[in-house]
């Protein structure tokens, strides 16, 4: 799997990470055992960055327990999602406990209460409990505020949605991230999973096969990673075997612009149900 530097200041990481939204919000056996299997499989496949949030229910706890003694092999990105006063410190204390006293990348989730969250994350970065600080948002009406924070010089990374059907964040924010040397993490590379329901033309799959893709999911992930401004893509899964499949999309050769446009055109047509 290819390695890319997370912005101009961050570490070099494999380009395929793992998200935990919905998929790691579980409690009890056997569901938690499956998540442990997924993390172990992802590590074996070369994945190193795991992204979570207190917004995702049990996901931080489950991820932390799944990493266990492999914690030092992983790059943990999580978030503060403070909605009311006092939540910030409770969430940070929990995350540091789950992740053995260290969060590699701490992000302001959806810019929530950033005026109180950002100073705390910067303080933690100065003490070494946090290595990098970032921010996320998924709503286009918030992209202006996100751009303002990016331009402040206070954060190291940005996480936005970007996929073959939705390019708005890339068009509006990735040029700025590139100019500022910020790391770029991509959420929702498969939409919310719904992009997988659109059946691609057979001739398109055959045309792209020499680029090392055998499944539609791999095509969609490689589509995002073929943009050199993207550092890490964050697919989520609850299916054993899928982390290996996803990781295989993280190696060149990449799609050229004509191939990327051909993939995007699939979503300009009415959706077809998969058989």
Protein backbone atom coordinates (compact mmCIF):
# COMPACT_ATOMS: atom_id res chain seq x y z
CA UNK A 1 0.00 0.00 0.00
CA UNK A 2 1.31 3.46 -0.84
CA UNK A 3 2.42 5.81 1.94
CA UNK A 4 1.66 9.52 1.91
CA UNK A 5 2.66 12.23 4.33
CA UNK A 6 -0.27 13.61 6.32
CA UNK A 7 0.19 17.19 5.18
CA UNK A 8 3.53 18.98 5.34
CA UNK A 9 4.09 18.30 9.06
CA UNK A 10 2.52 14.92 9.74
CA UNK A 11 3.82 11.37 9.55
CA UNK A 12 3.86 9.13 6.49
CA UNK A 13 0.92 6.72 6.62
CA UNK A 14 -0.68 4.08 4.39
CA UNK A 15 -3.35 5.74 2.28
CA UNK A 16 -6.22 3.44 3.33
CA UNK A 17 -7.41 3.85 6.90
CA UNK A 18 -10.52 2.59 8.67
CA UNK A 19 -13.54 4.55 9.89
CA UNK A 20 -15.76 3.37 12.74
CA UNK A 21 -19.00 5.32 12.24
CA UNK A 22 -21.97 2.96 12.82
CA UNK A 23 -19.82 -0.16 12.33
CA UNK A 24 -18.13 -0.11 15.78
CA UNK A 25 -21.11 1.06 17.83
CA UNK A 26 -21.71 -2.39 19.32
CA UNK A 27 -21.79 -3.94 22.76
CA UNK A 28 -21.15 -7.50 23.93
CA UNK A 29 -20.09 -10.71 22.25
CA UNK A 30 -20.04 -11.82 19.50
CA UNK A 31 -20.28 -8.35 17.91
CA UNK A 32 -17.24 -6.97 19.71
CA UNK A 33 -15.23 -10.07 18.85
CA UNK A 34 -15.93 -9.42 15.17
CA UNK A 35 -14.61 -5.84 15.53
CA UNK A 36 -11.45 -7.19 17.12
CA UNK A 37 -11.07 -9.44 14.08
CA UNK A 38 -11.59 -6.47 11.76
CA UNK A 39 -8.89 -4.42 13.46
CA UNK A 40 -6.44 -7.33 13.44
CA UNK A 41 -7.17 -7.96 9.77
CA UNK A 42 -6.75 -4.28 8.92
CA UNK A 43 -3.37 -4.15 10.66
CA UNK A 44 -2.23 -7.27 8.79
CA UNK A 45 -3.33 -5.67 5.51
CA UNK A 46 -1.22 -2.58 6.22
CA UNK A 47 -3.85 -0.19 7.55
CA UNK A 48 -2.57 2.03 10.34
CA UNK A 49 -4.96 4.98 10.76
CA UNK A 50 -8.21 4.30 12.64
CA UNK A 51 -10.75 7.13 12.95
CA UNK A 52 -13.43 7.39 15.62
CA UNK A 53 -15.53 9.79 17.70
CA UNK A 54 -17.64 9.89 20.88
CA UNK A 55 -20.53 10.67 18.52
CA UNK A 56 -20.26 7.05 17.35
CA UNK A 57 -21.59 5.54 20.57
CA UNK A 58 -19.41 2.64 21.73
CA UNK A 59 -16.93 2.99 18.87
CA UNK A 60 -14.02 4.58 20.75
CA UNK A 61 -14.15 1.99 23.53
CA UNK A 62 -14.51 -0.92 21.12
CA UNK A 63 -11.66 0.34 18.95
CA UNK A 64 -9.39 0.89 21.93
CA UNK A 65 -10.04 -2.63 23.23
CA UNK A 66 -9.58 -4.10 19.75
CA UNK A 67 -6.19 -2.43 19.39
CA UNK A 68 -5.06 -3.67 22.80
CA UNK A 69 -1.34 -4.43 22.80
CA UNK A 70 -1.18 -3.36 19.13
CA UNK A 71 -1.88 0.26 20.09
CA UNK A 72 1.65 1.41 19.19
CA UNK A 73 1.23 -0.01 15.68
CA UNK A 74 -1.79 2.23 15.06
CA UNK A 75 -2.33 5.92 14.39
CA UNK A 76 -5.51 6.84 16.25
CA UNK A 77 -7.59 9.76 15.03
CA UNK A 78 -10.59 10.66 17.14
CA UNK A 79 -12.69 13.72 17.86
CA UNK A 80 -14.26 15.95 20.48
CA UNK A 81 -18.00 16.30 19.89
CA UNK A 82 -18.98 18.62 22.72
CA UNK A 83 -22.58 19.81 22.57
CA UNK A 84 -22.82 21.30 26.08
CA UNK A 85 -20.38 22.73 28.61
CA UNK A 86 -18.38 20.07 30.40
CA UNK A 87 -18.54 17.42 27.68
CA UNK A 88 -15.18 18.43 26.24
CA UNK A 89 -13.14 17.36 29.25
CA UNK A 90 -15.20 14.20 29.85
CA UNK A 91 -14.71 13.08 26.25
CA UNK A 92 -10.98 13.82 26.28
CA UNK A 93 -10.50 11.91 29.54
CA UNK A 94 -12.37 8.92 28.10
CA UNK A 95 -10.41 8.94 24.84
CA UNK A 96 -7.06 9.10 26.62
CA UNK A 97 -8.15 6.15 28.74
CA UNK A 98 -9.34 4.15 25.73
CA UNK A 99 -6.19 4.85 23.72
CA UNK A 100 -3.56 4.33 26.42
CA UNK A 101 -2.84 7.97 27.15
CA UNK A 102 -2.17 9.12 23.60
CA UNK A 103 -4.30 10.41 20.72
CA UNK A 104 -2.30 10.81 17.52
CA UNK A 105 -4.77 13.14 15.79
CA UNK A 106 -7.48 14.93 17.76
CA UNK A 107 -10.15 16.66 15.67
CA UNK A 108 -12.99 19.09 16.38
CA UNK A 109 -16.00 17.11 15.21
CA UNK A 110 -18.16 19.20 12.88
CA UNK A 111 -16.60 22.35 14.41
CA UNK A 112 -18.76 21.76 17.49
CA UNK A 113 -18.01 24.37 20.20
CA UNK A 114 -14.67 25.06 18.56
CA UNK A 115 -14.03 28.20 20.60
CA UNK A 116 -13.64 26.08 23.76
CA UNK A 117 -12.43 22.84 22.18
CA UNK A 118 -9.57 24.18 20.05
CA UNK A 119 -7.57 25.80 22.91
CA UNK A 120 -7.75 22.55 24.89
CA UNK A 121 -6.56 20.46 21.95
CA UNK A 122 -3.71 22.89 21.33
CA UNK A 123 -2.76 22.60 25.00
CA UNK A 124 -2.72 18.81 24.73
CA UNK A 125 -0.60 19.07 21.60
CA UNK A 126 1.91 21.20 23.50
CA UNK A 127 2.16 18.60 26.29
CA UNK A 128 2.57 15.69 23.86
CA UNK A 129 -0.63 13.81 24.74
CA UNK A 130 -1.87 14.77 21.27
CA UNK A 131 0.42 14.82 18.27
CA UNK A 132 -1.71 16.65 15.71
CA UNK A 133 -4.92 18.71 15.75
CA UNK A 134 -7.56 18.80 13.03
CA UNK A 135 -11.16 19.64 12.26
CA UNK A 136 -14.00 18.00 10.36
CA UNK A 137 -17.30 18.85 8.76
CA UNK A 138 -19.64 17.23 6.28
CA UNK A 139 -22.21 19.98 5.59
CA UNK A 140 -21.50 22.27 2.65
CA UNK A 141 -22.95 25.30 4.44
CA UNK A 142 -20.18 24.92 7.04
CA UNK A 143 -17.32 24.78 4.55
CA UNK A 144 -16.75 28.54 4.81
CA UNK A 145 -16.23 28.30 8.57
CA UNK A 146 -14.01 25.28 8.09
CA UNK A 147 -11.91 27.21 5.56
CA UNK A 148 -11.51 30.04 8.08
CA UNK A 149 -10.18 27.63 10.69
CA UNK A 150 -7.88 26.01 8.13
CA UNK A 151 -6.44 29.45 7.35
CA UNK A 152 -5.83 30.25 11.03
CA UNK A 153 -2.59 28.27 11.12
CA UNK A 154 -3.73 26.41 14.25
CA UNK A 155 -4.66 23.01 12.84
CA UNK A 156 -2.73 20.32 10.99
CA UNK A 157 -5.45 18.37 9.17
CA UNK A 158 -8.94 18.57 7.76
CA UNK A 159 -11.47 15.76 7.23
CA UNK A 160 -14.24 16.16 4.64
CA UNK A 161 -16.57 14.02 2.50
CA UNK A 162 -15.39 13.29 -1.02
CA UNK A 163 -16.47 10.62 -3.47
CA UNK A 164 -17.27 10.00 -7.12
CA UNK A 165 -20.74 11.51 -6.69
CA UNK A 166 -19.90 14.41 -4.36
CA UNK A 167 -16.95 16.65 -5.16
CA UNK A 168 -18.00 19.89 -3.48
CA UNK A 169 -15.67 19.67 -0.49
CA UNK A 170 -12.79 18.78 -2.79
CA UNK A 171 -13.51 21.68 -5.10
CA UNK A 172 -13.87 24.20 -2.28
CA UNK A 173 -11.41 23.02 0.38
CA UNK A 174 -8.70 20.80 -1.09
CA UNK A 175 -6.96 23.63 -2.99
CA UNK A 176 -6.71 25.53 0.30
CA UNK A 177 -5.45 22.46 2.16
CA UNK A 178 -2.79 21.97 -0.50
CA UNK A 179 -1.75 25.62 -0.31
CA UNK A 180 -1.47 25.50 3.48
CA UNK A 181 0.17 22.08 3.66
CA UNK A 182 -2.65 20.54 5.71
CA UNK A 183 -3.27 16.82 5.80
CA UNK A 184 -6.48 15.64 4.13
CA UNK A 185 -8.57 12.74 5.42
CA UNK A 186 -11.62 11.70 3.42
CA UNK A 187 -14.83 10.49 5.02
CA UNK A 188 -17.71 8.87 3.14
CA UNK A 189 -15.65 7.65 0.15
CA UNK A 190 -18.48 5.16 -0.49
CA UNK A 191 -21.19 7.66 0.42
CA UNK A 192 -23.01 6.08 3.35
CA UNK A 193 -22.57 2.75 1.57
CA UNK A 194 -25.22 3.69 -0.97
CA UNK A 195 -22.69 4.23 -3.77
CA UNK A 196 -22.13 0.49 -3.77
CA UNK A 197 -25.74 -0.04 -4.86
CA UNK A 198 -25.12 1.58 -8.25
CA UNK A 199 -24.09 -1.19 -10.64
CA UNK A 200 -21.19 -0.11 -12.91
CA UNK A 201 -21.15 -1.10 -16.58
CA UNK A 202 -19.26 -4.33 -17.13
CA UNK A 203 -17.06 -2.72 -19.76
CA UNK A 204 -16.00 -0.05 -17.27
CA UNK A 205 -14.89 -2.67 -14.75
CA UNK A 206 -12.93 -4.46 -17.47
CA UNK A 207 -11.36 -1.19 -18.56
CA UNK A 208 -10.21 -0.43 -14.99
CA UNK A 209 -9.06 -3.94 -14.06
CA UNK A 210 -5.43 -3.29 -15.19
CA UNK A 211 -5.30 -0.63 -12.47
CA UNK A 212 -5.51 -3.37 -9.85
CA UNK A 213 -9.23 -3.22 -8.97
CA UNK A 214 -11.53 -6.23 -8.92
CA UNK A 215 -14.57 -4.85 -7.06
CA UNK A 216 -16.71 -1.74 -7.30
CA UNK A 217 -15.72 -0.75 -3.75
CA UNK A 218 -12.06 -0.84 -4.76
CA UNK A 219 -12.85 1.33 -7.79
CA UNK A 220 -14.57 3.94 -5.62
CA UNK A 221 -11.74 4.03 -3.09
CA UNK A 222 -9.08 4.23 -5.77
CA UNK A 223 -11.09 7.01 -7.44
CA UNK A 224 -10.62 9.16 -4.32
CA UNK A 225 -7.00 8.17 -3.80
CA UNK A 226 -6.18 9.03 -7.41
CA UNK A 227 -6.46 12.66 -6.31
CA UNK A 228 -2.91 13.33 -5.02
CA UNK A 229 -4.22 15.98 -2.60
CA UNK A 230 -5.84 13.20 -0.54
CA UNK A 231 -3.65 11.63 2.13
CA UNK A 232 -5.91 9.00 3.72
CA UNK A 233 -9.32 7.57 2.83
CA UNK A 234 -11.55 6.17 5.61
CA UNK A 235 -13.92 3.39 4.54
CA UNK A 236 -15.87 1.68 7.32
CA UNK A 237 -16.98 -1.93 7.41
CA UNK A 238 -18.44 -4.57 9.69
CA UNK A 239 -17.64 -7.44 7.32
CA UNK A 240 -14.60 -9.65 7.89
CA UNK A 241 -12.54 -9.78 4.69
CA UNK A 242 -13.45 -6.24 3.65
CA UNK A 243 -10.43 -4.54 5.30
CA UNK A 244 -8.13 -6.62 3.10
CA UNK A 245 -10.18 -5.77 0.01
CA UNK A 246 -10.16 -2.07 0.90
CA UNK A 247 -6.42 -2.01 1.56
CA UNK A 248 -5.75 -3.48 -1.89
CA UNK A 249 -7.12 -0.28 -3.45
CA UNK A 250 -4.31 1.75 -1.92
CA UNK A 251 -1.56 1.01 -4.40
CA UNK A 252 -0.75 2.49 -7.82
CA UNK A 253 -1.29 2.66 -10.72
CA UNK A 254 -3.86 5.38 -10.10
CA UNK A 255 -6.74 6.36 -12.35
CA UNK A 256 -6.15 9.14 -14.85
CA UNK A 257 -8.66 11.97 -15.24
CA UNK A 258 -10.48 10.27 -18.10
CA UNK A 259 -10.95 7.13 -16.01
CA UNK A 260 -12.12 9.16 -13.02
CA UNK A 261 -14.69 10.93 -15.19
CA UNK A 262 -15.93 7.59 -16.51
CA UNK A 263 -16.54 6.43 -12.93
CA UNK A 264 -18.30 9.66 -12.01
CA UNK A 265 -20.63 9.33 -15.00
CA UNK A 266 -22.05 6.15 -13.45
CA UNK A 267 -23.75 8.39 -10.88
CA UNK A 268 -25.30 10.68 -13.47
CA UNK A 269 -27.60 7.81 -14.48
CA UNK A 270 -30.57 6.38 -12.58
CA UNK A 271 -29.50 3.85 -9.95
CA UNK A 272 -29.78 0.18 -10.78
CA UNK A 273 -30.35 -2.38 -8.08
CA UNK A 274 -27.58 -4.93 -7.69
CA UNK A 275 -28.51 -8.55 -8.24
